[in-house]
């Protein structure tokens, strides 16, 4: 997975916050939500609820990652059918 943009919008104060590099934790103005990880990882923090933010990140998955995800979903469907 390649992270093109690591950002969220706080649903309480409306701030759009973006982490630009690894360990670059950014909090919104009201202190309710934070984003971290830059282009290395996606981490979200919140004081009250995960419903307090809207995801704005952009990621690209490799063909291998998409194929693995499809295999996992098929395995889950087969297991549920038993």
Protein backbone atom coordinates (compact mmCIF):
# COMPACT_ATOMS: atom_id res chain seq x y z
CA UNK A 1 0.00 0.00 0.00
CA UNK A 2 1.29 3.41 -0.93
CA UNK A 3 -0.06 6.33 1.09
CA UNK A 4 -0.49 9.38 -1.12
CA UNK A 5 -2.24 11.55 1.46
CA UNK A 6 -2.77 10.96 5.20
CA UNK A 7 -5.56 13.31 6.28
CA UNK A 8 -8.87 13.57 8.15
CA UNK A 9 -11.51 16.24 8.78
CA UNK A 10 -12.70 16.91 12.32
CA UNK A 11 -16.48 16.70 12.34
CA UNK A 12 -16.63 18.98 15.39
CA UNK A 13 -14.49 21.99 14.40
CA UNK A 14 -14.19 21.37 10.64
CA UNK A 15 -10.37 21.39 10.57
CA UNK A 16 -8.68 19.34 7.87
CA UNK A 17 -5.46 17.98 9.32
CA UNK A 18 -2.73 16.14 7.43
CA UNK A 19 0.33 14.23 8.61
CA UNK A 20 3.15 14.73 6.13
CA UNK A 21 5.94 12.56 7.52
CA UNK A 22 6.46 9.66 9.93
CA UNK A 23 5.70 10.50 13.59
CA UNK A 24 4.11 13.81 12.52
CA UNK A 25 1.05 13.73 14.80
CA UNK A 26 -1.32 16.62 14.15
CA UNK A 27 -4.37 17.53 16.27
CA UNK A 28 -7.32 19.59 15.11
CA UNK A 29 -7.95 23.02 16.66
CA UNK A 30 -10.55 21.73 19.14
CA UNK A 31 -8.35 18.80 20.23
CA UNK A 32 -10.92 16.11 19.45
CA UNK A 33 -9.04 14.13 16.76
CA UNK A 34 -5.52 13.59 15.47
CA UNK A 35 -3.76 12.06 12.48
CA UNK A 36 -0.25 10.52 12.43
CA UNK A 37 2.12 8.54 10.22
CA UNK A 38 2.74 10.66 7.14
CA UNK A 39 3.35 8.39 4.16
CA UNK A 40 4.53 5.50 6.38
CA UNK A 41 1.37 4.44 8.25
CA UNK A 42 -2.21 5.52 8.98
CA UNK A 43 -2.96 6.23 12.64
CA UNK A 44 -6.05 7.96 14.03
CA UNK A 45 -6.62 9.21 17.58
CA UNK A 46 -9.80 10.61 19.08
CA UNK A 47 -10.97 11.80 22.47
CA UNK A 48 -14.63 10.78 22.27
CA UNK A 49 -15.59 8.71 19.22
CA UNK A 50 -14.28 7.59 15.82
CA UNK A 51 -17.42 9.23 14.44
CA UNK A 52 -15.76 12.58 15.22
CA UNK A 53 -13.70 12.48 12.02
CA UNK A 54 -14.13 11.92 8.30
CA UNK A 55 -11.42 10.00 6.46
CA UNK A 56 -9.75 11.96 3.63
CA UNK A 57 -6.65 9.82 3.04
CA UNK A 58 -5.70 8.57 -0.41
CA UNK A 59 -3.98 5.21 -0.81
CA UNK A 60 -3.00 2.98 -3.71
CA UNK A 61 -2.91 -0.81 -3.37
CA UNK A 62 -0.69 -3.11 -5.43
CA UNK A 63 -2.23 -5.83 -7.59
CA UNK A 64 -0.88 -8.42 -5.13
CA UNK A 65 -2.59 -6.71 -2.18
CA UNK A 66 -5.88 -6.55 -4.08
CA UNK A 67 -5.62 -10.24 -5.03
CA UNK A 68 -4.91 -11.22 -1.40
CA UNK A 69 -7.90 -9.17 -0.22
CA UNK A 70 -10.12 -10.94 -2.77
CA UNK A 71 -8.86 -14.36 -1.58
CA UNK A 72 -9.57 -13.46 2.04
CA UNK A 73 -13.10 -12.30 1.21
CA UNK A 74 -13.77 -15.51 -0.73
CA UNK A 75 -12.52 -17.60 2.22
CA UNK A 76 -14.87 -15.70 4.55
CA UNK A 77 -17.83 -16.27 2.20
CA UNK A 78 -17.08 -20.00 2.00
CA UNK A 79 -16.74 -20.26 5.77
CA UNK A 80 -20.04 -18.43 6.31
CA UNK A 81 -21.79 -20.77 3.85
CA UNK A 82 -20.84 -23.86 5.90
